[in-house]
PDB file of N, CA and C in Angstrom:
ATOM      1  N   MET A   1       0.846  -1.166   0.022  1.00  0.00           N
ATOM      2  CA  MET A   1      -0.004  -0.003   0.000  1.00  0.00           C
ATOM      3  C   MET A   1       0.891   1.246  -0.012  1.00  0.00           C
ATOM      4  N   ALA A   2       0.598   2.196  -0.804  1.00  0.00           N
ATOM      5  CA  ALA A   2       1.364   3.416  -0.898  1.00  0.00           C
ATOM      6  C   ALA A   2       1.198   4.267   0.351  1.00  0.00           C
ATOM      7  N   LYS A   3       2.289   4.838   0.832  1.00  0.00           N
ATOM      8  CA  LYS A   3       2.199   5.729   2.000  1.00  0.00           C
ATOM      9  C   LYS A   3       1.600   7.045   1.581  1.00  0.00           C
ATOM     10  N   GLY A   4       0.983   7.724   2.536  1.00  0.00           N
ATOM     11  CA  GLY A   4       0.423   9.031   2.227  1.00  0.00           C
ATOM     12  C   GLY A   4      -0.856   9.007   1.522  1.00  0.00           C
ATOM     13  N   MET A   5      -1.491   7.871   1.358  1.00  0.00           N
ATOM     14  CA  MET A   5      -2.772   7.790   0.622  1.00  0.00           C
ATOM     15  C   MET A   5      -3.944   7.942   1.574  1.00  0.00           C
ATOM     16  N   GLY A   6      -3.696   8.141   2.882  1.00  0.00           N
ATOM     17  CA  GLY A   6      -4.796   8.350   3.792  1.00  0.00           C
ATOM     18  C   GLY A   6      -5.520   7.057   4.153  1.00  0.00           C
ATOM     19  N   ARG A   7      -4.951   5.933   3.772  1.00  0.00           N
ATOM     20  CA  ARG A   7      -5.574   4.658   4.078  1.00  0.00           C
ATOM     21  C   ARG A   7      -4.686   3.863   5.010  1.00  0.00           C
ATOM     22  N   ARG A   8      -5.269   3.145   5.929  1.00  0.00           N
ATOM     23  CA  ARG A   8      -4.549   2.321   6.829  1.00  0.00           C
ATOM     24  C   ARG A   8      -4.905   0.871   6.569  1.00  0.00           C
ATOM     25  N   PRO A   9      -3.912  -0.038   6.638  1.00  0.00           N
ATOM     26  CA  PRO A   9      -4.253  -1.455   6.492  1.00  0.00           C
ATOM     27  C   PRO A   9      -5.123  -1.854   7.667  1.00  0.00           C
ATOM     28  N   LYS A  10      -6.052  -2.799   7.408  1.00  0.00           N
ATOM     29  CA  LYS A  10      -6.959  -3.269   8.461  1.00  0.00           C
ATOM     30  C   LYS A  10      -6.293  -4.380   9.231  1.00  0.00           C
ATOM     31  N   ALA A  11      -6.538  -4.370  10.535  1.00  0.00           N
ATOM     32  CA  ALA A  11      -6.032  -5.446  11.403  1.00  0.00           C
ATOM     33  C   ALA A  11      -6.773  -6.720  11.078  1.00  0.00           C
ATOM     34  N   GLU A  12      -6.114  -7.828  11.121  1.00  0.00           N
ATOM     35  CA  GLU A  12      -6.720  -9.142  10.898  1.00  0.00           C
ATOM     36  C   GLU A  12      -7.373  -9.584  12.188  1.00  0.00           C
ATOM     37  N   LEU A  13      -8.666  -9.567  12.250  1.00  0.00           N
ATOM     38  CA  LEU A  13      -9.421  -9.823  13.486  1.00  0.00           C
ATOM     39  C   LEU A  13      -9.426 -11.291  13.865  1.00  0.00           C
ATOM     40  N   ASP A  14      -9.181 -12.186  12.957  1.00  0.00           N
ATOM     41  CA  ASP A  14      -9.243 -13.619  13.270  1.00  0.00           C
ATOM     42  C   ASP A  14      -7.818 -14.230  13.404  1.00  0.00           C
ATOM     43  N   SER A  15      -6.858 -13.409  13.691  1.00  0.00           N
ATOM     44  CA  SER A  15      -5.493 -13.904  13.682  1.00  0.00           C
ATOM     45  C   SER A  15      -5.053 -14.553  15.017  1.00  0.00           C
ATOM     46  N   GLY A  16      -5.875 -14.433  16.079  1.00  0.00           N
ATOM     47  CA  GLY A  16      -5.516 -14.967  17.388  1.00  0.00           C
ATOM     48  C   GLY A  16      -4.559 -14.095  18.143  1.00  0.00           C
ATOM     49  N   VAL A  17      -4.395 -12.833  17.706  1.00  0.00           N
ATOM     50  CA  VAL A  17      -3.445 -11.929  18.340  1.00  0.00           C
ATOM     51  C   VAL A  17      -3.720 -11.748  19.829  1.00  0.00           C
ATOM     52  N   GLU A  18      -4.985 -11.838  20.224  1.00  0.00           N
ATOM     53  CA  GLU A  18      -5.286 -11.679  21.632  1.00  0.00           C
ATOM     54  C   GLU A  18      -4.637 -12.809  22.471  1.00  0.00           C
ATOM     55  N   ASP A  19      -4.361 -13.925  21.904  1.00  0.00           N
ATOM     56  CA  ASP A  19      -3.716 -15.056  22.584  1.00  0.00           C
ATOM     57  C   ASP A  19      -2.265 -14.779  22.892  1.00  0.00           C
ATOM     58  N   VAL A  20      -1.608 -13.924  22.137  1.00  0.00           N
ATOM     59  CA  VAL A  20      -0.190 -13.650  22.346  1.00  0.00           C
ATOM     60  C   VAL A  20       0.070 -12.232  22.907  1.00  0.00           C
ATOM     61  N   THR A  21      -0.981 -11.558  23.320  1.00  0.00           N
ATOM     62  CA  THR A  21      -0.820 -10.196  23.812  1.00  0.00           C
ATOM     63  C   THR A  21       0.200 -10.058  24.913  1.00  0.00           C
ATOM     64  N   LEU A  22       0.121 -10.946  25.925  1.00  0.00           N
ATOM     65  CA  LEU A  22       1.060 -10.863  27.028  1.00  0.00           C
ATOM     66  C   LEU A  22       2.509 -11.173  26.570  1.00  0.00           C
ATOM     67  N   LEU A  23       2.660 -12.079  25.623  1.00  0.00           N
ATOM     68  CA  LEU A  23       3.988 -12.346  25.065  1.00  0.00           C
ATOM     69  C   LEU A  23       4.531 -11.098  24.330  1.00  0.00           C
ATOM     70  N   VAL A  24       3.652 -10.441  23.611  1.00  0.00           N
ATOM     71  CA  VAL A  24       4.061  -9.207  22.885  1.00  0.00           C
ATOM     72  C   VAL A  24       4.495  -8.173  23.933  1.00  0.00           C
ATOM     73  N   LEU A  25       3.714  -7.942  24.997  1.00  0.00           N
ATOM     74  CA  LEU A  25       4.125  -6.978  26.000  1.00  0.00           C
ATOM     75  C   LEU A  25       5.448  -7.331  26.662  1.00  0.00           C
ATOM     76  N   GLU A  26       5.656  -8.609  26.968  1.00  0.00           N
ATOM     77  CA  GLU A  26       6.916  -9.019  27.569  1.00  0.00           C
ATOM     78  C   GLU A  26       8.069  -8.790  26.591  1.00  0.00           C
ATOM     79  N   TRP A  27       7.890  -9.123  25.321  1.00  0.00           N
ATOM     80  CA  TRP A  27       8.930  -8.940  24.315  1.00  0.00           C
ATOM     81  C   TRP A  27       9.290  -7.448  24.195  1.00  0.00           C
ATOM     82  N   LEU A  28       8.252  -6.603  24.160  1.00  0.00           N
ATOM     83  CA  LEU A  28       8.494  -5.185  24.074  1.00  0.00           C
ATOM     84  C   LEU A  28       9.315  -4.670  25.269  1.00  0.00           C
ATOM     85  N   GLY A  29       8.970  -5.139  26.446  1.00  0.00           N
ATOM     86  CA  GLY A  29       9.734  -4.780  27.640  1.00  0.00           C
ATOM     87  C   GLY A  29      11.216  -5.162  27.527  1.00  0.00           C
ATOM     88  N   GLU A  30      11.468  -6.314  26.958  1.00  0.00           N
ATOM     89  CA  GLU A  30      12.858  -6.764  26.749  1.00  0.00           C
ATOM     90  C   GLU A  30      13.583  -5.873  25.780  1.00  0.00           C
ATOM     91  N   GLN A  31      12.865  -5.212  24.889  1.00  0.00           N
ATOM     92  CA  GLN A  31      13.480  -4.278  23.902  1.00  0.00           C
ATOM     93  C   GLN A  31      13.607  -2.866  24.481  1.00  0.00           C
ATOM     94  N   GLY A  32      13.231  -2.663  25.750  1.00  0.00           N
ATOM     95  CA  GLY A  32      13.297  -1.350  26.331  1.00  0.00           C
ATOM     96  C   GLY A  32      12.042  -0.489  26.090  1.00  0.00           C
ATOM     97  N   VAL A  33      10.997  -1.095  25.612  1.00  0.00           N
ATOM     98  CA  VAL A  33       9.748  -0.363  25.310  1.00  0.00           C
ATOM     99  C   VAL A  33       8.778  -0.580  26.454  1.00  0.00           C
ATOM    100  N   GLY A  34       8.293   0.533  27.053  1.00  0.00           N
ATOM    101  CA  GLY A  34       7.215   0.387  28.037  1.00  0.00           C
ATOM    102  C   GLY A  34       5.904   0.333  27.284  1.00  0.00           C
ATOM    103  N   ALA A  35       5.063  -0.647  27.636  1.00  0.00           N
ATOM    104  CA  ALA A  35       3.821  -0.838  26.924  1.00  0.00           C
ATOM    105  C   ALA A  35       2.718  -1.295  27.867  1.00  0.00           C
ATOM    106  N   MET A  36       1.500  -0.993  27.475  1.00  0.00           N
ATOM    107  CA  MET A  36       0.338  -1.433  28.251  1.00  0.00           C
ATOM    108  C   MET A  36      -0.875  -1.580  27.343  1.00  0.00           C
ATOM    109  N   ILE A  37      -1.822  -2.361  27.851  1.00  0.00           N
ATOM    110  CA  ILE A  37      -3.150  -2.485  27.196  1.00  0.00           C
ATOM    111  C   ILE A  37      -4.164  -2.294  28.317  1.00  0.00           C
ATOM    112  N   ARG A  38      -5.240  -1.574  27.994  1.00  0.00           N
ATOM    113  CA  ARG A  38      -6.270  -1.348  28.997  1.00  0.00           C
ATOM    114  C   ARG A  38      -7.638  -1.305  28.356  1.00  0.00           C
ATOM    115  N   VAL A  39      -8.623  -1.483  29.185  1.00  0.00           N
ATOM    116  CA  VAL A  39     -10.022  -1.351  28.755  1.00  0.00           C
ATOM    117  C   VAL A  39     -10.657  -0.221  29.545  1.00  0.00           C
ATOM    118  N   ASP A  40     -11.472   0.597  28.903  1.00  0.00           N
ATOM    119  CA  ASP A  40     -12.134   1.703  29.538  1.00  0.00           C
ATOM    120  C   ASP A  40     -13.635   1.441  29.551  1.00  0.00           C
ATOM    121  N   ALA A  41     -14.156   1.153  30.734  1.00  0.00           N
ATOM    122  CA  ALA A  41     -15.579   0.777  30.872  1.00  0.00           C
ATOM    123  C   ALA A  41     -16.494   1.923  30.432  1.00  0.00           C
ATOM    124  N   GLU A  42     -16.124   3.169  30.708  1.00  0.00           N
ATOM    125  CA  GLU A  42     -16.960   4.305  30.301  1.00  0.00           C
ATOM    126  C   GLU A  42     -17.049   4.393  28.774  1.00  0.00           C
ATOM    127  N   ARG A  43     -15.943   4.232  28.092  1.00  0.00           N
ATOM    128  CA  ARG A  43     -15.977   4.261  26.615  1.00  0.00           C
ATOM    129  C   ARG A  43     -16.787   3.074  26.071  1.00  0.00           C
ATOM    130  N   MET A  44     -16.680   1.932  26.760  1.00  0.00           N
ATOM    131  CA  MET A  44     -17.475   0.755  26.359  1.00  0.00           C
ATOM    132  C   MET A  44     -18.975   1.031  26.479  1.00  0.00           C
ATOM    133  N   ARG A  45     -19.391   1.640  27.597  1.00  0.00           N
ATOM    134  CA  ARG A  45     -20.787   2.004  27.770  1.00  0.00           C
ATOM    135  C   ARG A  45     -21.271   2.964  26.716  1.00  0.00           C
ATOM    136  N   ASP A  46     -20.388   3.878  26.302  1.00  0.00           N
ATOM    137  CA  ASP A  46     -20.736   4.903  25.322  1.00  0.00           C
ATOM    138  C   ASP A  46     -20.642   4.410  23.863  1.00  0.00           C
ATOM    139  N   GLY A  47     -20.295   3.146  23.678  1.00  0.00           N
ATOM    140  CA  GLY A  47     -20.209   2.547  22.333  1.00  0.00           C
ATOM    141  C   GLY A  47     -18.964   2.988  21.570  1.00  0.00           C
ATOM    142  N   GLN A  48     -17.952   3.417  22.280  1.00  0.00           N
ATOM    143  CA  GLN A  48     -16.708   3.839  21.621  1.00  0.00           C
ATOM    144  C   GLN A  48     -15.671   2.724  21.759  1.00  0.00           C
ATOM    145  N   PRO A  49     -14.642   2.735  20.954  1.00  0.00           N
ATOM    146  CA  PRO A  49     -13.589   1.709  21.088  1.00  0.00           C
ATOM    147  C   PRO A  49     -12.999   1.756  22.494  1.00  0.00           C
ATOM    148  N   ALA A  50     -13.156   0.672  23.232  1.00  0.00           N
ATOM    149  CA  ALA A  50     -12.839   0.673  24.683  1.00  0.00           C
ATOM    150  C   ALA A  50     -11.423   0.191  24.959  1.00  0.00           C
ATOM    151  N   TRP A  51     -10.781  -0.488  24.024  1.00  0.00           N
ATOM    152  CA  TRP A  51      -9.442  -1.041  24.254  1.00  0.00           C
ATOM    153  C   TRP A  51      -8.400  -0.093  23.737  1.00  0.00           C
ATOM    154  N   THR A  52      -7.325   0.079  24.552  1.00  0.00           N
ATOM    155  CA  THR A  52      -6.212   0.975  24.124  1.00  0.00           C
ATOM    156  C   THR A  52      -4.895   0.290  24.404  1.00  0.00           C
ATOM    157  N   PHE A  53      -4.016   0.313  23.414  1.00  0.00           N
ATOM    158  CA  PHE A  53      -2.640  -0.108  23.588  1.00  0.00           C
ATOM    159  C   PHE A  53      -1.801   1.163  23.464  1.00  0.00           C
ATOM    160  N   ALA A  54      -0.819   1.297  24.392  1.00  0.00           N
ATOM    161  CA  ALA A  54       0.113   2.449  24.353  1.00  0.00           C
ATOM    162  C   ALA A  54       1.522   1.912  24.559  1.00  0.00           C
ATOM    163  N   ALA A  55       2.478   2.523  23.907  1.00  0.00           N
ATOM    164  CA  ALA A  55       3.874   2.127  24.026  1.00  0.00           C
ATOM    165  C   ALA A  55       4.761   3.352  23.822  1.00  0.00           C
ATOM    166  N   SER A  56       5.908   3.348  24.484  1.00  0.00           N
ATOM    167  CA  SER A  56       6.932   4.396  24.287  1.00  0.00           C
ATOM    168  C   SER A  56       8.253   3.927  24.802  1.00  0.00           C
ATOM    169  N   GLY A  57       9.282   4.633  24.408  1.00  0.00           N
ATOM    170  CA  GLY A  57      10.622   4.326  24.844  1.00  0.00           C
ATOM    171  C   GLY A  57      11.371   3.372  23.926  1.00  0.00           C
ATOM    172  N   GLY A  58      12.600   3.009  24.363  1.00  0.00           N
ATOM    173  CA  GLY A  58      13.380   2.101  23.587  1.00  0.00           C
ATOM    174  C   GLY A  58      13.602   2.640  22.174  1.00  0.00           C
ATOM    175  N   PRO A  59      13.488   1.778  21.201  1.00  0.00           N
ATOM    176  CA  PRO A  59      13.715   2.212  19.819  1.00  0.00           C
ATOM    177  C   PRO A  59      12.578   2.982  19.153  1.00  0.00           C
ATOM    178  N   LEU A  60      11.485   3.200  19.881  1.00  0.00           N
ATOM    179  CA  LEU A  60      10.406   3.975  19.309  1.00  0.00           C
ATOM    180  C   LEU A  60      10.691   5.479  19.362  1.00  0.00           C
ATOM    181  N   ASP A  61      10.477   6.158  18.266  1.00  0.00           N
ATOM    182  CA  ASP A  61      10.619   7.609  18.255  1.00  0.00           C
ATOM    183  C   ASP A  61       9.306   8.224  18.742  1.00  0.00           C
ATOM    184  N   GLY A  62       9.270   8.558  20.042  1.00  0.00           N
ATOM    185  CA  GLY A  62       8.064   9.055  20.647  1.00  0.00           C
ATOM    186  C   GLY A  62       7.129   7.946  21.015  1.00  0.00           C
ATOM    187  N   GLY A  63       5.934   8.266  21.435  1.00  0.00           N
ATOM    188  CA  GLY A  63       4.998   7.255  21.828  1.00  0.00           C
ATOM    189  C   GLY A  63       4.088   6.855  20.711  1.00  0.00           C
ATOM    190  N   MET A  64       3.339   5.757  20.905  1.00  0.00           N
ATOM    191  CA  MET A  64       2.339   5.372  19.929  1.00  0.00           C
ATOM    192  C   MET A  64       1.124   4.800  20.681  1.00  0.00           C
ATOM    193  N   ARG A  65       0.006   4.866  20.046  1.00  0.00           N
ATOM    194  CA  ARG A  65      -1.237   4.407  20.630  1.00  0.00           C
ATOM    195  C   ARG A  65      -2.115   3.766  19.571  1.00  0.00           C
ATOM    196  N   ALA A  66      -2.851   2.749  19.964  1.00  0.00           N
ATOM    197  CA  ALA A  66      -3.816   2.101  19.081  1.00  0.00           C
ATOM    198  C   ALA A  66      -5.071   1.798  19.877  1.00  0.00           C
ATOM    199  N   ASP A  67      -6.218   2.058  19.288  1.00  0.00           N
ATOM    200  CA  ASP A  67      -7.494   1.837  19.927  1.00  0.00           C
ATOM    201  C   ASP A  67      -8.285   0.814  19.088  1.00  0.00           C
ATOM    202  N   GLY A  68      -9.185   0.099  19.801  1.00  0.00           N
ATOM    203  CA  GLY A  68     -10.022  -0.846  19.062  1.00  0.00           C
ATOM    204  C   GLY A  68     -11.242  -1.250  19.915  1.00  0.00           C
ATOM    205  N   ALA A  69     -12.231  -1.791  19.225  1.00  0.00           N
ATOM    206  CA  ALA A  69     -13.466  -2.194  19.863  1.00  0.00           C
ATOM    207  C   ALA A  69     -13.305  -3.552  20.582  1.00  0.00           C
ATOM    208  N   SER A  70     -12.236  -4.296  20.265  1.00  0.00           N
ATOM    209  CA  SER A  70     -11.929  -5.590  20.867  1.00  0.00           C
ATOM    210  C   SER A  70     -10.435  -5.668  21.073  1.00  0.00           C
ATOM    211  N   VAL A  71      -9.993  -6.633  21.886  1.00  0.00           N
ATOM    212  CA  VAL A  71      -8.557  -6.846  22.079  1.00  0.00           C
ATOM    213  C   VAL A  71      -7.914  -7.155  20.745  1.00  0.00           C
ATOM    214  N   ALA A  72      -8.558  -8.022  19.959  1.00  0.00           N
ATOM    215  CA  ALA A  72      -7.991  -8.419  18.704  1.00  0.00           C
ATOM    216  C   ALA A  72      -7.795  -7.187  17.776  1.00  0.00           C
ATOM    217  N   GLU A  73      -8.810  -6.355  17.670  1.00  0.00           N
ATOM    218  CA  GLU A  73      -8.703  -5.172  16.801  1.00  0.00           C
ATOM    219  C   GLU A  73      -7.621  -4.233  17.322  1.00  0.00           C
ATOM    220  N   CYS A  74      -7.638  -4.006  18.598  1.00  0.00           N
ATOM    221  CA  CYS A  74      -6.637  -3.093  19.198  1.00  0.00           C
ATOM    222  C   CYS A  74      -5.194  -3.604  18.980  1.00  0.00           C
ATOM    223  N   MET A  75      -4.939  -4.862  19.298  1.00  0.00           N
ATOM    224  CA  MET A  75      -3.588  -5.411  19.182  1.00  0.00           C
ATOM    225  C   MET A  75      -3.196  -5.626  17.706  1.00  0.00           C
ATOM    226  N   GLY A  76      -4.138  -5.963  16.849  1.00  0.00           N
ATOM    227  CA  GLY A  76      -3.831  -6.072  15.428  1.00  0.00           C
ATOM    228  C   GLY A  76      -3.339  -4.744  14.906  1.00  0.00           C
ATOM    229  N   THR A  77      -4.033  -3.652  15.238  1.00  0.00           N
ATOM    230  CA  THR A  77      -3.621  -2.314  14.809  1.00  0.00           C
ATOM    231  C   THR A  77      -2.272  -1.936  15.460  1.00  0.00           C
ATOM    232  N   ALA A  78      -2.111  -2.271  16.722  1.00  0.00           N
ATOM    233  CA  ALA A  78      -0.832  -1.952  17.418  1.00  0.00           C
ATOM    234  C   ALA A  78       0.313  -2.658  16.757  1.00  0.00           C
ATOM    235  N   LEU A  79       0.164  -3.967  16.404  1.00  0.00           N
ATOM    236  CA  LEU A  79       1.247  -4.682  15.743  1.00  0.00           C
ATOM    237  C   LEU A  79       1.607  -4.068  14.431  1.00  0.00           C
ATOM    238  N   LEU A  80       0.601  -3.677  13.636  1.00  0.00           N
ATOM    239  CA  LEU A  80       0.865  -2.999  12.387  1.00  0.00           C
ATOM    240  C   LEU A  80       1.702  -1.747  12.566  1.00  0.00           C
ATOM    241  N   ARG A  81       1.303  -0.953  13.582  1.00  0.00           N
ATOM    242  CA  ARG A  81       2.010   0.330  13.804  1.00  0.00           C
ATOM    243  C   ARG A  81       3.421   0.097  14.350  1.00  0.00           C
ATOM    244  N   LEU A  82       3.559  -0.914  15.219  1.00  0.00           N
ATOM    245  CA  LEU A  82       4.914  -1.201  15.713  1.00  0.00           C
ATOM    246  C   LEU A  82       5.815  -1.671  14.577  1.00  0.00           C
ATOM    247  N   ARG A  83       5.309  -2.458  13.700  1.00  0.00           N
ATOM    248  CA  ARG A  83       6.127  -2.860  12.528  1.00  0.00           C
ATOM    249  C   ARG A  83       6.412  -1.717  11.578  1.00  0.00           C
ATOM    250  N   GLU A  84       5.487  -0.815  11.405  1.00  0.00           N
ATOM    251  CA  GLU A  84       5.731   0.406  10.614  1.00  0.00           C
ATOM    252  C   GLU A  84       6.786   1.262  11.265  1.00  0.00           C
ATOM    253  N   ALA A  85       6.907   1.187  12.601  1.00  0.00           N
ATOM    254  CA  ALA A  85       7.926   1.969  13.342  1.00  0.00           C
ATOM    255  C   ALA A  85       9.256   1.266  13.381  1.00  0.00           C
ATOM    256  N   GLY A  86       9.362   0.057  12.749  1.00  0.00           N
ATOM    257  CA  GLY A  86      10.615  -0.600  12.642  1.00  0.00           C
ATOM    258  C   GLY A  86      10.869  -1.700  13.656  1.00  0.00           C
ATOM    259  N   LEU A  87       9.880  -1.982  14.486  1.00  0.00           N
ATOM    260  CA  LEU A  87      10.033  -3.070  15.464  1.00  0.00           C
ATOM    261  C   LEU A  87       9.473  -4.374  14.898  1.00  0.00           C
ATOM    262  N   ALA A  88      10.319  -5.341  14.643  1.00  0.00           N
ATOM    263  CA  ALA A  88       9.894  -6.635  14.072  1.00  0.00           C
ATOM    264  C   ALA A  88       9.430  -7.514  15.157  1.00  0.00           C
ATOM    265  N   VAL A  89       8.218  -7.316  15.640  1.00  0.00           N
ATOM    266  CA  VAL A  89       7.612  -8.096  16.659  1.00  0.00           C
ATOM    267  C   VAL A  89       7.453  -9.525  16.171  1.00  0.00           C
ATOM    268  N   PRO A  90       8.011 -10.518  16.903  1.00  0.00           N
ATOM    269  CA  PRO A  90       8.077 -11.919  16.366  1.00  0.00           C
ATOM    270  C   PRO A  90       6.827 -12.732  16.567  1.00  0.00           C
ATOM    271  N   PHE A  91       5.671 -12.132  16.753  1.00  0.00           N
ATOM    272  CA  PHE A  91       4.435 -12.868  17.016  1.00  0.00           C
ATOM    273  C   PHE A  91       3.408 -12.497  15.972  1.00  0.00           C
TER     274      PHE A  91
END
């Protein structure tokens, strides 16, 4: 996909990424990246994407954030953005 086209690749929702989320967080910590995933009950009640992944430090230039309506959507998007930032997450 060409960069700058205003389009983002879609996260693969059936990839099982939610099964490896803790492994991803642990791997990121080993790379010097602080990372977390959280759910916001208020946003869930309001029908907004309730899951948030955030990471910063280590080889990342600044922080990054990904939101999603499910763990799979959130982490799928997060993995795409981490890879775009140059982190070859092995999961």
